[in-house]
Amino acid sequence: MILTKKRLYLREEPQRDAKLIIIYCEGKKREDLYFNYFAEISSKIRLEIEPPSQHDNTSPIGLYDKAVSQIIKSDENINPKYELTNADEVWFVIDTDDWGSKINDLRKNCINHNNWLVAQSNPCFEVWLFYHFFPFEDFENMGISQNWKNFVNEKIPGGFDSRKHPIFIQKAIDNAKSKFEPTIAIGSTEIYKLAEKFHPLIKDKIEEALKTIV
């Protein structure tokens, strides 16, 4: 199988009524690169990825506070960055390794908002990347994030490349769902829930692109 490093589809500007999904990430690079692969893939959806800046608080509540400042209109914030409809969604992509039980505080705050959701990976985002190629596989000390990063690089020749490998998102959804445990056990990730929100809107473009792979 040969995959080029270039996108296999033409960009499309979102329609005015396109579904908006805003993704707040704690990771400064990996998550941003991954989700941007799907930006402007279809006029049916608008993906806005909000990675942290250099001085941002990347804790669960730090991400939540950033979302509030960009979305919730108030006397102090009369012109927020985003204006949501009832169909739009806000997602927080976060890892278990650094934050553990603090993620529960984020979940509790999200309950107060329509369609504010959490996608947690245990221990890290690389669990989701691994599932683009393989079903769950046990290995030593798999609760350590760095071990997952090394494992992904060892299992995928050249490592996971966000310029081309996200195209296997359907396989990632299937593999992640088959392993998922509500307790978010090690090797479990909720990213598939986020993927299932936008994948149906881009599925036709992805399937057409996959036909070009030889």
N, C-alpha and C. Protein backbone atom coordinates (compact mmCIF):
# COMPACT_ATOMS: atom_id res chain seq x y z
N MET A 1 0.85 -1.19 0.00
CA MET A 1 0.00 0.00 0.00
C MET A 1 0.88 1.24 0.00
N ILE A 2 0.60 2.18 -0.90
CA ILE A 2 1.37 3.41 -1.00
C ILE A 2 0.46 4.58 -0.68
N LEU A 3 0.91 5.42 0.21
CA LEU A 3 0.17 6.64 0.55
C LEU A 3 1.08 7.83 0.31
N THR A 4 0.58 8.81 -0.42
CA THR A 4 1.36 10.02 -0.60
C THR A 4 1.23 10.88 0.66
N LYS A 5 2.10 11.86 0.79
CA LYS A 5 2.04 12.77 1.94
C LYS A 5 1.11 13.93 1.66
N LYS A 6 0.55 13.99 0.44
CA LYS A 6 -0.38 15.05 0.09
C LYS A 6 -1.80 14.60 0.38
N ARG A 7 -2.67 15.57 0.61
CA ARG A 7 -4.08 15.26 0.81
C ARG A 7 -4.63 14.61 -0.45
N LEU A 8 -5.54 13.68 -0.27
CA LEU A 8 -6.12 12.96 -1.40
C LEU A 8 -7.49 13.49 -1.77
N TYR A 9 -7.76 14.73 -1.39
CA TYR A 9 -9.04 15.33 -1.70
C TYR A 9 -8.86 16.83 -1.84
N LEU A 10 -9.79 17.48 -2.50
CA LEU A 10 -9.77 18.92 -2.66
C LEU A 10 -10.48 19.58 -1.48
N ARG A 11 -9.96 20.70 -1.05
CA ARG A 11 -10.58 21.43 0.05
C ARG A 11 -11.92 22.04 -0.38
N GLU A 12 -12.85 22.12 0.56
CA GLU A 12 -14.14 22.75 0.32
C GLU A 12 -14.45 23.70 1.47
N GLU A 13 -14.91 24.86 1.13
CA GLU A 13 -15.35 25.81 2.14
C GLU A 13 -16.67 25.33 2.75
N PRO A 14 -16.84 25.42 4.06
CA PRO A 14 -18.10 24.97 4.68
C PRO A 14 -19.27 25.86 4.28
N GLN A 15 -20.43 25.26 4.14
CA GLN A 15 -21.64 26.01 3.88
C GLN A 15 -22.01 26.84 5.11
N ARG A 16 -22.86 27.82 4.92
CA ARG A 16 -23.24 28.68 6.04
C ARG A 16 -23.93 27.90 7.15
N ASP A 17 -24.68 26.87 6.76
CA ASP A 17 -25.39 26.07 7.76
C ASP A 17 -24.65 24.78 8.12
N ALA A 18 -23.37 24.71 7.79
CA ALA A 18 -22.58 23.51 8.10
C ALA A 18 -22.50 23.31 9.61
N LYS A 19 -22.50 22.05 10.03
CA LYS A 19 -22.37 21.74 11.45
C LYS A 19 -21.00 22.18 11.95
N LEU A 20 -20.98 22.85 13.07
CA LEU A 20 -19.73 23.32 13.67
C LEU A 20 -19.34 22.42 14.82
N ILE A 21 -18.10 21.93 14.80
CA ILE A 21 -17.53 21.19 15.91
C ILE A 21 -16.23 21.88 16.31
N ILE A 22 -16.17 22.35 17.55
CA ILE A 22 -14.95 22.99 18.06
C ILE A 22 -14.23 21.98 18.94
N ILE A 23 -12.95 21.78 18.69
CA ILE A 23 -12.17 20.79 19.42
C ILE A 23 -11.07 21.49 20.21
N TYR A 24 -11.15 21.39 21.54
CA TYR A 24 -10.12 21.94 22.42
C TYR A 24 -9.17 20.82 22.82
N CYS A 25 -7.88 21.00 22.51
CA CYS A 25 -6.88 19.96 22.76
C CYS A 25 -5.89 20.41 23.82
N GLU A 26 -5.44 19.47 24.62
CA GLU A 26 -4.38 19.81 25.56
C GLU A 26 -3.01 19.70 24.90
N GLY A 27 -2.90 18.84 23.87
CA GLY A 27 -1.65 18.68 23.15
C GLY A 27 -1.39 19.84 22.21
N LYS A 28 -0.16 20.28 22.13
CA LYS A 28 0.17 21.45 21.33
C LYS A 28 0.38 21.14 19.85
N LYS A 29 0.62 19.86 19.49
CA LYS A 29 0.96 19.57 18.10
C LYS A 29 0.22 18.37 17.54
N ARG A 30 0.35 17.22 18.17
CA ARG A 30 -0.15 15.97 17.60
C ARG A 30 -1.64 16.03 17.30
N GLU A 31 -2.45 16.44 18.26
CA GLU A 31 -3.89 16.48 18.06
C GLU A 31 -4.28 17.51 17.00
N ASP A 32 -3.61 18.66 17.04
CA ASP A 32 -3.90 19.72 16.07
C ASP A 32 -3.65 19.23 14.65
N LEU A 33 -2.52 18.60 14.42
CA LEU A 33 -2.18 18.08 13.09
C LEU A 33 -3.18 17.02 12.65
N TYR A 34 -3.55 16.16 13.58
CA TYR A 34 -4.47 15.06 13.24
C TYR A 34 -5.82 15.60 12.80
N PHE A 35 -6.46 16.40 13.62
CA PHE A 35 -7.82 16.85 13.31
C PHE A 35 -7.85 17.83 12.14
N ASN A 36 -6.76 18.55 11.91
CA ASN A 36 -6.72 19.46 10.78
C ASN A 36 -6.70 18.72 9.44
N TYR A 37 -6.37 17.44 9.48
CA TYR A 37 -6.44 16.64 8.26
C TYR A 37 -7.85 16.67 7.69
N PHE A 38 -8.85 16.74 8.57
CA PHE A 38 -10.25 16.68 8.14
C PHE A 38 -10.87 18.06 7.93
N ALA A 39 -10.12 19.12 8.22
CA ALA A 39 -10.66 20.47 8.04
C ALA A 39 -10.89 20.75 6.57
N GLU A 40 -12.03 21.28 6.24
CA GLU A 40 -12.39 21.67 4.88
C GLU A 40 -12.44 20.48 3.93
N ILE A 41 -12.66 19.29 4.44
CA ILE A 41 -12.80 18.12 3.59
C ILE A 41 -14.18 18.07 2.96
N SER A 42 -15.16 18.69 3.61
CA SER A 42 -16.53 18.68 3.11
C SER A 42 -17.22 19.98 3.49
N SER A 43 -18.09 20.44 2.60
CA SER A 43 -18.85 21.66 2.88
C SER A 43 -19.93 21.44 3.94
N LYS A 44 -20.15 20.17 4.32
CA LYS A 44 -21.21 19.85 5.28
C LYS A 44 -20.82 20.11 6.72
N ILE A 45 -19.52 20.29 6.97
CA ILE A 45 -19.06 20.42 8.35
C ILE A 45 -17.94 21.45 8.45
N ARG A 46 -17.91 22.11 9.59
CA ARG A 46 -16.84 23.07 9.89
C ARG A 46 -16.15 22.62 11.16
N LEU A 47 -14.91 22.22 11.04
CA LEU A 47 -14.11 21.81 12.19
C LEU A 47 -13.20 22.95 12.58
N GLU A 48 -13.25 23.32 13.84
CA GLU A 48 -12.36 24.35 14.37
C GLU A 48 -11.53 23.71 15.48
N ILE A 49 -10.22 23.64 15.28
CA ILE A 49 -9.34 23.03 16.26
C ILE A 49 -8.65 24.13 17.05
N GLU A 50 -8.70 24.02 18.37
CA GLU A 50 -8.13 25.02 19.27
C GLU A 50 -7.02 24.40 20.12
N PRO A 51 -5.82 24.26 19.56
CA PRO A 51 -4.70 23.77 20.38
C PRO A 51 -4.26 24.87 21.33
N PRO A 52 -3.57 24.52 22.41
CA PRO A 52 -3.15 25.54 23.37
C PRO A 52 -2.03 26.40 22.81
N SER A 53 -2.04 27.66 23.18
CA SER A 53 -0.91 28.53 22.86
C SER A 53 0.15 28.34 23.93
N GLN A 54 1.25 29.04 23.77
CA GLN A 54 2.40 28.83 24.66
C GLN A 54 2.07 29.03 26.13
N HIS A 55 1.22 30.00 26.43
CA HIS A 55 0.96 30.34 27.83
C HIS A 55 -0.39 29.86 28.32
N ASP A 56 -1.09 29.04 27.56
CA ASP A 56 -2.40 28.54 27.97
C ASP A 56 -2.28 27.54 29.12
N ASN A 57 -3.29 27.52 29.95
CA ASN A 57 -3.44 26.51 30.99
C ASN A 57 -4.05 25.28 30.33
N THR A 58 -3.31 24.19 30.24
CA THR A 58 -3.78 23.00 29.52
C THR A 58 -4.42 21.97 30.44
N SER A 59 -4.70 22.34 31.68
CA SER A 59 -5.41 21.43 32.57
C SER A 59 -6.85 21.29 32.08
N PRO A 60 -7.58 20.28 32.56
CA PRO A 60 -8.98 20.13 32.15
C PRO A 60 -9.80 21.41 32.36
N ILE A 61 -9.66 22.04 33.52
CA ILE A 61 -10.41 23.25 33.79
C ILE A 61 -9.85 24.43 33.00
N GLY A 62 -8.56 24.40 32.72
CA GLY A 62 -7.97 25.44 31.88
C GLY A 62 -8.57 25.42 30.48
N LEU A 63 -8.75 24.23 29.92
CA LEU A 63 -9.38 24.10 28.61
C LEU A 63 -10.83 24.57 28.66
N TYR A 64 -11.51 24.20 29.74
CA TYR A 64 -12.91 24.60 29.90
C TYR A 64 -13.02 26.13 29.97
N ASP A 65 -12.16 26.76 30.75
CA ASP A 65 -12.20 28.21 30.88
C ASP A 65 -11.92 28.89 29.54
N LYS A 66 -11.03 28.32 28.76
CA LYS A 66 -10.75 28.87 27.43
C LYS A 66 -11.99 28.79 26.55
N ALA A 67 -12.68 27.65 26.59
CA ALA A 67 -13.90 27.49 25.80
C ALA A 67 -14.95 28.50 26.21
N VAL A 68 -15.12 28.68 27.51
CA VAL A 68 -16.10 29.66 28.01
C VAL A 68 -15.77 31.05 27.48
N SER A 69 -14.50 31.41 27.51
CA SER A 69 -14.10 32.75 27.07
C SER A 69 -14.31 32.96 25.58
N GLN A 70 -14.32 31.87 24.82
CA GLN A 70 -14.48 31.99 23.37
C GLN A 70 -15.90 31.77 22.88
N ILE A 71 -16.76 31.24 23.75
CA ILE A 71 -18.10 30.84 23.31
C ILE A 71 -19.24 31.54 24.05
N ILE A 72 -19.09 31.67 25.36
CA ILE A 72 -20.20 32.17 26.18
C ILE A 72 -20.24 33.70 26.18
N LYS A 73 -21.36 34.24 25.76
CA LYS A 73 -21.54 35.68 25.73
C LYS A 73 -21.93 36.18 27.11
N SER A 74 -21.34 37.30 27.52
CA SER A 74 -21.63 37.89 28.83
C SER A 74 -21.39 39.39 28.75
N ASP A 75 -21.67 40.06 29.85
CA ASP A 75 -21.44 41.50 29.89
C ASP A 75 -19.96 41.83 29.68
N GLU A 76 -19.09 40.96 30.17
CA GLU A 76 -17.66 41.16 30.03
C GLU A 76 -17.14 40.65 28.68
N ASN A 77 -17.94 39.79 28.03
CA ASN A 77 -17.51 39.16 26.78
C ASN A 77 -18.66 39.26 25.77
N ILE A 78 -18.83 40.45 25.23
CA ILE A 78 -20.00 40.69 24.37
C ILE A 78 -19.81 40.18 22.94
N ASN A 79 -18.57 39.90 22.57
CA ASN A 79 -18.30 39.41 21.21
C ASN A 79 -17.42 38.17 21.25
N PRO A 80 -17.96 37.04 21.69
CA PRO A 80 -17.15 35.81 21.74
C PRO A 80 -16.73 35.37 20.33
N LYS A 81 -15.70 34.58 20.29
CA LYS A 81 -15.13 34.14 19.01
C LYS A 81 -16.12 33.28 18.23
N TYR A 82 -16.87 32.44 18.92
CA TYR A 82 -17.78 31.51 18.26
C TYR A 82 -19.22 31.77 18.69
N GLU A 83 -20.13 31.56 17.76
CA GLU A 83 -21.56 31.61 18.05
C GLU A 83 -22.15 30.27 17.65
N LEU A 84 -22.66 29.54 18.62
CA LEU A 84 -23.13 28.17 18.39
C LEU A 84 -24.63 28.11 18.18
N THR A 85 -25.05 27.13 17.38
CA THR A 85 -26.46 26.79 17.26
C THR A 85 -26.70 25.55 18.11
N ASN A 86 -27.94 25.11 18.21
CA ASN A 86 -28.26 23.93 19.01
C ASN A 86 -27.66 22.65 18.44
N ALA A 87 -27.32 22.67 17.15
CA ALA A 87 -26.76 21.48 16.51
C ALA A 87 -25.25 21.39 16.64
N ASP A 88 -24.61 22.49 17.01
CA ASP A 88 -23.15 22.52 17.09
C ASP A 88 -22.65 21.84 18.36
N GLU A 89 -21.36 21.47 18.35
CA GLU A 89 -20.80 20.72 19.47
C GLU A 89 -19.43 21.26 19.86
N VAL A 90 -19.12 21.11 21.13
CA VAL A 90 -17.81 21.47 21.68
C VAL A 90 -17.21 20.22 22.31
N TRP A 91 -15.98 19.90 21.91
CA TRP A 91 -15.32 18.69 22.42
C TRP A 91 -13.99 19.05 23.08
N PHE A 92 -13.69 18.34 24.15
CA PHE A 92 -12.42 18.47 24.84
C PHE A 92 -11.66 17.16 24.69
N VAL A 93 -10.54 17.21 24.01
CA VAL A 93 -9.70 16.03 23.78
C VAL A 93 -8.58 16.05 24.81
N ILE A 94 -8.59 15.07 25.70
CA ILE A 94 -7.70 15.13 26.86
C ILE A 94 -7.20 13.74 27.24
N ASP A 95 -6.02 13.71 27.83
CA ASP A 95 -5.37 12.44 28.20
C ASP A 95 -5.48 12.17 29.70
N THR A 96 -5.53 10.89 30.03
CA THR A 96 -5.61 10.49 31.43
C THR A 96 -4.30 10.72 32.16
N ASP A 97 -3.16 10.55 31.48
CA ASP A 97 -1.87 10.44 32.16
C ASP A 97 -1.55 11.59 33.09
N ASP A 98 -1.76 12.81 32.67
CA ASP A 98 -1.41 13.95 33.51
C ASP A 98 -2.51 14.38 34.47
N TRP A 99 -3.76 14.05 34.14
CA TRP A 99 -4.86 14.69 34.84
C TRP A 99 -5.73 13.77 35.67
N GLY A 100 -5.81 12.50 35.33
CA GLY A 100 -6.54 11.54 36.15
C GLY A 100 -7.93 12.00 36.54
N SER A 101 -8.22 12.04 37.84
CA SER A 101 -9.55 12.36 38.35
C SER A 101 -9.96 13.80 38.09
N LYS A 102 -9.00 14.69 37.76
CA LYS A 102 -9.34 16.08 37.47
C LYS A 102 -10.23 16.20 36.23
N ILE A 103 -10.20 15.17 35.39
CA ILE A 103 -11.04 15.18 34.19
C ILE A 103 -12.51 15.13 34.59
N ASN A 104 -12.79 14.54 35.75
CA ASN A 104 -14.19 14.49 36.21
C ASN A 104 -14.75 15.88 36.47
N ASP A 105 -13.90 16.80 36.90
CA ASP A 105 -14.35 18.19 37.11
C ASP A 105 -14.76 18.81 35.78
N LEU A 106 -14.00 18.50 34.74
CA LEU A 106 -14.35 18.99 33.41
C LEU A 106 -15.68 18.41 32.95
N ARG A 107 -15.88 17.13 33.18
CA ARG A 107 -17.14 16.49 32.78
C ARG A 107 -18.33 17.11 33.51
N LYS A 108 -18.16 17.39 34.78
CA LYS A 108 -19.24 18.00 35.55
C LYS A 108 -19.61 19.38 35.01
N ASN A 109 -18.60 20.15 34.63
CA ASN A 109 -18.86 21.48 34.08
C ASN A 109 -19.54 21.39 32.72
N CYS A 110 -19.19 20.39 31.94
CA CYS A 110 -19.76 20.25 30.60
C CYS A 110 -21.26 19.93 30.66
N ILE A 111 -21.70 19.31 31.74
CA ILE A 111 -23.12 18.97 31.89
C ILE A 111 -23.99 20.23 31.83
N ASN A 112 -23.42 21.36 32.20
CA ASN A 112 -24.17 22.60 32.24
C ASN A 112 -24.36 23.25 30.87
N HIS A 113 -23.80 22.63 29.83
CA HIS A 113 -23.86 23.20 28.49
C HIS A 113 -24.41 22.17 27.50
N ASN A 114 -25.14 22.65 26.53
CA ASN A 114 -25.67 21.78 25.48
C ASN A 114 -24.55 21.34 24.53
N ASN A 115 -24.38 20.03 24.40
CA ASN A 115 -23.41 19.46 23.45
C ASN A 115 -21.96 19.86 23.74
N TRP A 116 -21.61 19.96 25.01
CA TRP A 116 -20.20 20.08 25.41
C TRP A 116 -19.79 18.70 25.92
N LEU A 117 -18.77 18.11 25.28
CA LEU A 117 -18.45 16.70 25.50
C LEU A 117 -16.95 16.49 25.69
N VAL A 118 -16.62 15.37 26.32
CA VAL A 118 -15.22 15.03 26.60
C VAL A 118 -14.84 13.75 25.87
N ALA A 119 -13.66 13.77 25.26
CA ALA A 119 -13.10 12.57 24.63
C ALA A 119 -11.77 12.28 25.30
N GLN A 120 -11.79 11.33 26.21
CA GLN A 120 -10.62 11.00 27.03
C GLN A 120 -9.92 9.76 26.49
N SER A 121 -8.59 9.80 26.50
CA SER A 121 -7.79 8.63 26.11
C SER A 121 -6.91 8.22 27.28
N ASN A 122 -6.78 6.91 27.48
CA ASN A 122 -5.97 6.40 28.58
C ASN A 122 -4.87 5.49 28.05
N PRO A 123 -3.59 5.87 28.18
CA PRO A 123 -3.14 7.06 28.91
C PRO A 123 -2.99 8.31 28.05
N CYS A 124 -3.00 8.14 26.69
CA CYS A 124 -2.67 9.28 25.84
C CYS A 124 -3.31 9.15 24.45
N PHE A 125 -3.17 10.19 23.66
CA PHE A 125 -3.77 10.27 22.33
C PHE A 125 -3.24 9.20 21.39
N GLU A 126 -2.03 8.71 21.66
CA GLU A 126 -1.44 7.70 20.78
C GLU A 126 -2.24 6.40 20.75
N VAL A 127 -3.05 6.16 21.77
CA VAL A 127 -3.93 4.99 21.75
C VAL A 127 -4.84 5.06 20.52
N TRP A 128 -5.42 6.24 20.30
CA TRP A 128 -6.30 6.44 19.15
C TRP A 128 -5.54 6.28 17.82
N LEU A 129 -4.32 6.81 17.77
CA LEU A 129 -3.53 6.70 16.55
C LEU A 129 -3.22 5.24 16.23
N PHE A 130 -2.89 4.47 17.25
CA PHE A 130 -2.59 3.05 17.07
C PHE A 130 -3.76 2.32 16.42
N TYR A 131 -4.98 2.65 16.82
CA TYR A 131 -6.16 1.94 16.34
C TYR A 131 -6.44 2.18 14.86
N HIS A 132 -5.77 3.12 14.23
CA HIS A 132 -5.94 3.32 12.78
C HIS A 132 -5.38 2.14 11.99
N PHE A 133 -4.54 1.34 12.65
CA PHE A 133 -3.91 0.22 11.96
C PHE A 133 -4.17 -1.14 12.61
N PHE A 134 -4.33 -1.15 13.93
CA PHE A 134 -4.38 -2.43 14.64
C PHE A 134 -5.48 -2.44 15.70
N PRO A 135 -6.01 -3.62 16.01
CA PRO A 135 -6.89 -3.74 17.18
C PRO A 135 -6.04 -3.70 18.45
N PHE A 136 -6.69 -3.72 19.60
CA PHE A 136 -5.97 -3.62 20.86
C PHE A 136 -4.89 -4.69 20.98
N GLU A 137 -3.77 -4.28 21.51
CA GLU A 137 -2.64 -5.19 21.74
C GLU A 137 -2.00 -4.85 23.07
N ASP A 138 -1.84 -5.83 23.91
CA ASP A 138 -1.25 -5.64 25.24
C ASP A 138 0.28 -5.59 25.12
N PHE A 139 0.91 -4.77 25.95
CA PHE A 139 2.37 -4.75 26.01
C PHE A 139 2.79 -4.27 27.40
N GLU A 140 4.04 -4.44 27.71
CA GLU A 140 4.53 -4.16 29.06
C GLU A 140 4.46 -2.67 29.40
N ASN A 141 4.02 -2.39 30.62
CA ASN A 141 3.95 -1.02 31.13
C ASN A 141 3.16 -0.10 30.20
N MET A 142 2.02 -0.56 29.74
CA MET A 142 1.24 0.18 28.77
C MET A 142 0.45 1.35 29.39
N GLY A 143 0.57 1.52 30.69
CA GLY A 143 -0.06 2.66 31.33
C GLY A 143 0.79 3.92 31.27
N ILE A 144 1.98 3.82 30.68
CA ILE A 144 2.90 4.95 30.58
C ILE A 144 2.82 5.54 29.18
N SER A 145 2.57 6.83 29.09
CA SER A 145 2.38 7.49 27.79
C SER A 145 3.57 7.33 26.86
N GLN A 146 4.77 7.51 27.37
CA GLN A 146 5.95 7.42 26.52
C GLN A 146 6.08 6.03 25.91
N ASN A 147 5.66 5.00 26.66
CA ASN A 147 5.70 3.65 26.12
C ASN A 147 4.73 3.50 24.94
N TRP A 148 3.57 4.15 25.03
CA TRP A 148 2.63 4.12 23.90
C TRP A 148 3.22 4.83 22.69
N LYS A 149 3.89 5.95 22.91
CA LYS A 149 4.49 6.68 21.80
C LYS A 149 5.56 5.84 21.12
N ASN A 150 6.37 5.15 21.93
CA ASN A 150 7.39 4.26 21.36
C ASN A 150 6.75 3.09 20.63
N PHE A 151 5.69 2.55 21.22
CA PHE A 151 4.99 1.40 20.65
C PHE A 151 4.41 1.74 19.27
N VAL A 152 3.76 2.90 19.18
CA VAL A 152 3.19 3.34 17.90
C VAL A 152 4.29 3.49 16.86
N ASN A 153 5.40 4.08 17.23
CA ASN A 153 6.50 4.26 16.28
C ASN A 153 7.11 2.94 15.84
N GLU A 154 7.11 1.96 16.74
CA GLU A 154 7.65 0.65 16.40
C GLU A 154 6.71 -0.14 15.49
N LYS A 155 5.42 -0.02 15.73
CA LYS A 155 4.44 -0.82 15.01
C LYS A 155 4.10 -0.24 13.63
N ILE A 156 4.16 1.08 13.49
CA ILE A 156 3.83 1.74 12.23
C ILE A 156 5.12 2.22 11.59
N PRO A 157 5.51 1.66 10.46
CA PRO A 157 6.77 2.07 9.82
C PRO A 157 6.82 3.57 9.58
N GLY A 158 7.85 4.21 10.14
CA GLY A 158 7.97 5.65 10.00
C GLY A 158 7.14 6.43 11.00
N GLY A 159 6.37 5.73 11.83
CA GLY A 159 5.51 6.39 12.80
C GLY A 159 4.21 6.88 12.18
N PHE A 160 3.29 7.32 13.02
CA PHE A 160 2.01 7.82 12.52
C PHE A 160 2.21 9.17 11.85
N ASP A 161 1.75 9.29 10.61
CA ASP A 161 1.91 10.51 9.82
C ASP A 161 0.55 11.17 9.65
N SER A 162 0.35 12.32 10.28
CA SER A 162 -0.95 12.99 10.24
C SER A 162 -1.25 13.62 8.89
N ARG A 163 -0.29 13.56 7.96
CA ARG A 163 -0.56 14.06 6.61
C ARG A 163 -1.25 13.01 5.74
N LYS A 164 -1.28 11.75 6.21
CA LYS A 164 -1.86 10.70 5.37
C LYS A 164 -2.63 9.63 6.14
N HIS A 165 -2.20 9.28 7.34
CA HIS A 165 -2.80 8.15 8.04
C HIS A 165 -4.20 8.38 8.62
N PRO A 166 -4.63 9.62 8.88
CA PRO A 166 -6.00 9.80 9.38
C PRO A 166 -7.07 9.29 8.42
N ILE A 167 -6.71 9.04 7.18
CA ILE A 167 -7.68 8.54 6.21
C ILE A 167 -8.26 7.19 6.64
N PHE A 168 -7.58 6.49 7.54
CA PHE A 168 -8.07 5.20 8.02
C PHE A 168 -8.94 5.35 9.27
N ILE A 169 -9.66 6.44 9.34
CA ILE A 169 -10.47 6.77 10.51
C ILE A 169 -11.55 5.73 10.78
N GLN A 170 -12.13 5.13 9.74
CA GLN A 170 -13.17 4.13 9.98
C GLN A 170 -12.61 2.92 10.72
N LYS A 171 -11.42 2.51 10.36
CA LYS A 171 -10.79 1.39 11.05
C LYS A 171 -10.50 1.75 12.50
N ALA A 172 -10.10 2.99 12.74
CA ALA A 172 -9.83 3.45 14.10
C ALA A 172 -11.11 3.42 14.93
N ILE A 173 -12.21 3.87 14.35
CA ILE A 173 -13.49 3.84 15.05
C ILE A 173 -13.85 2.42 15.44
N ASP A 174 -13.75 1.50 14.50
CA ASP A 174 -14.12 0.10 14.75
C ASP A 174 -13.24 -0.52 15.84
N ASN A 175 -11.93 -0.29 15.74
CA ASN A 175 -11.01 -0.88 16.72
C ASN A 175 -11.20 -0.28 18.11
N ALA A 176 -11.40 1.03 18.17
CA ALA A 176 -11.57 1.70 19.47
C ALA A 176 -12.87 1.26 20.14
N LYS A 177 -13.94 1.13 19.36
CA LYS A 177 -15.23 0.71 19.92
C LYS A 177 -15.15 -0.71 20.47
N SER A 178 -14.41 -1.58 19.79
CA SER A 178 -14.33 -2.98 20.22
C SER A 178 -13.60 -3.12 21.55
N LYS A 179 -12.75 -2.16 21.88
CA LYS A 179 -11.98 -2.21 23.13
C LYS A 179 -12.57 -1.32 24.21
N PHE A 180 -13.46 -0.42 23.85
CA PHE A 180 -13.89 0.63 24.77
C PHE A 180 -14.53 0.07 26.05
N GLU A 181 -14.14 0.67 27.17
CA GLU A 181 -14.74 0.38 28.47
C GLU A 181 -15.14 1.71 29.10
N PRO A 182 -16.36 1.80 29.63
CA PRO A 182 -16.84 3.06 30.21
C PRO A 182 -15.95 3.63 31.30
N THR A 183 -15.16 2.78 31.93
CA THR A 183 -14.24 3.27 32.96
C THR A 183 -13.00 3.93 32.35
N ILE A 184 -12.92 3.94 31.04
CA ILE A 184 -11.75 4.46 30.31
C ILE A 184 -10.49 3.76 30.81
N ALA A 185 -10.53 2.44 30.74
CA ALA A 185 -9.38 1.64 31.16
C ALA A 185 -8.18 1.90 30.26
N ILE A 186 -7.02 1.47 30.70
CA ILE A 186 -5.80 1.64 29.89
C ILE A 186 -6.00 0.98 28.53
N GLY A 187 -5.67 1.71 27.48
CA GLY A 187 -5.87 1.20 26.12
C GLY A 187 -7.25 1.53 25.57
N SER A 188 -8.01 2.31 26.32
CA SER A 188 -9.36 2.70 25.91
C SER A 188 -9.38 4.19 25.56
N THR A 189 -10.19 4.56 24.57
CA THR A 189 -10.28 5.96 24.18
C THR A 189 -11.69 6.30 23.72
N GLU A 190 -12.10 7.52 24.06
CA GLU A 190 -13.40 8.02 23.64
C GLU A 190 -13.33 8.83 22.35
N ILE A 191 -12.17 8.92 21.75
CA ILE A 191 -12.03 9.69 20.52
C ILE A 191 -12.97 9.17 19.44
N TYR A 192 -13.27 7.89 19.46
CA TYR A 192 -14.16 7.34 18.44
C TYR A 192 -15.54 8.00 18.50
N LYS A 193 -15.97 8.44 19.69
CA LYS A 193 -17.27 9.10 19.81
C LYS A 193 -17.26 10.44 19.08
N LEU A 194 -16.16 11.17 19.19
CA LEU A 194 -16.00 12.40 18.44
C LEU A 194 -15.93 12.11 16.95
N ALA A 195 -15.15 11.11 16.57
CA ALA A 195 -15.01 10.74 15.16
C ALA A 195 -16.36 10.37 14.54
N GLU A 196 -17.18 9.68 15.31
CA GLU A 196 -18.49 9.28 14.79
C GLU A 196 -19.41 10.48 14.55
N LYS A 197 -19.10 11.61 15.14
CA LYS A 197 -19.91 12.81 14.94
C LYS A 197 -19.64 13.45 13.58
N PHE A 198 -18.37 13.43 13.14
CA PHE A 198 -18.07 14.09 11.87
C PHE A 198 -17.79 13.12 10.72
N HIS A 199 -17.44 11.88 11.02
CA HIS A 199 -17.12 10.94 9.95
C HIS A 199 -18.27 10.73 8.96
N PRO A 200 -19.53 10.59 9.41
CA PRO A 200 -20.62 10.41 8.43
C PRO A 200 -20.73 11.56 7.44
N LEU A 201 -20.30 12.75 7.84
CA LEU A 201 -20.41 13.92 6.97
C LEU A 201 -19.27 14.00 5.95
N ILE A 202 -18.22 13.23 6.17
CA ILE A 202 -17.07 13.24 5.25
C ILE A 202 -16.81 11.86 4.64
N LYS A 203 -17.64 10.90 5.01
CA LYS A 203 -17.41 9.51 4.63
C LYS A 203 -17.27 9.33 3.12
N ASP A 204 -18.13 10.01 2.35
CA ASP A 204 -18.08 9.84 0.90
C ASP A 204 -16.75 10.32 0.33
N LYS A 205 -16.23 11.43 0.87
CA LYS A 205 -14.94 11.96 0.41
C LYS A 205 -13.79 11.01 0.80
N ILE A 206 -13.86 10.48 2.00
CA ILE A 206 -12.82 9.56 2.46
C ILE A 206 -12.81 8.30 1.60
N GLU A 207 -13.98 7.75 1.33
CA GLU A 207 -14.07 6.52 0.54
C GLU A 207 -13.57 6.73 -0.88
N GLU A 208 -13.86 7.88 -1.45
CA GLU A 208 -13.35 8.18 -2.79
C GLU A 208 -11.84 8.29 -2.79
N ALA A 209 -11.29 8.93 -1.74
CA ALA A 209 -9.83 9.08 -1.62
C ALA A 209 -9.16 7.72 -1.45
N LEU A 210 -9.80 6.84 -0.67
CA LEU A 210 -9.22 5.52 -0.43
C LEU A 210 -9.10 4.71 -1.71
N LYS A 211 -9.96 4.96 -2.68
CA LYS A 211 -9.92 4.23 -3.95
C LYS A 211 -8.66 4.57 -4.76
N THR A 212 -8.05 5.71 -4.43
CA THR A 212 -6.86 6.13 -5.18
C THR A 212 -5.58 5.53 -4.62
N ILE A 213 -5.70 4.86 -3.48
CA ILE A 213 -4.52 4.26 -2.83
C ILE A 213 -4.22 2.91 -3.48
N VAL A 214 -2.98 2.70 -3.86
CA VAL A 214 -2.57 1.43 -4.48
C VAL A 214 -1.47 0.79 -3.66
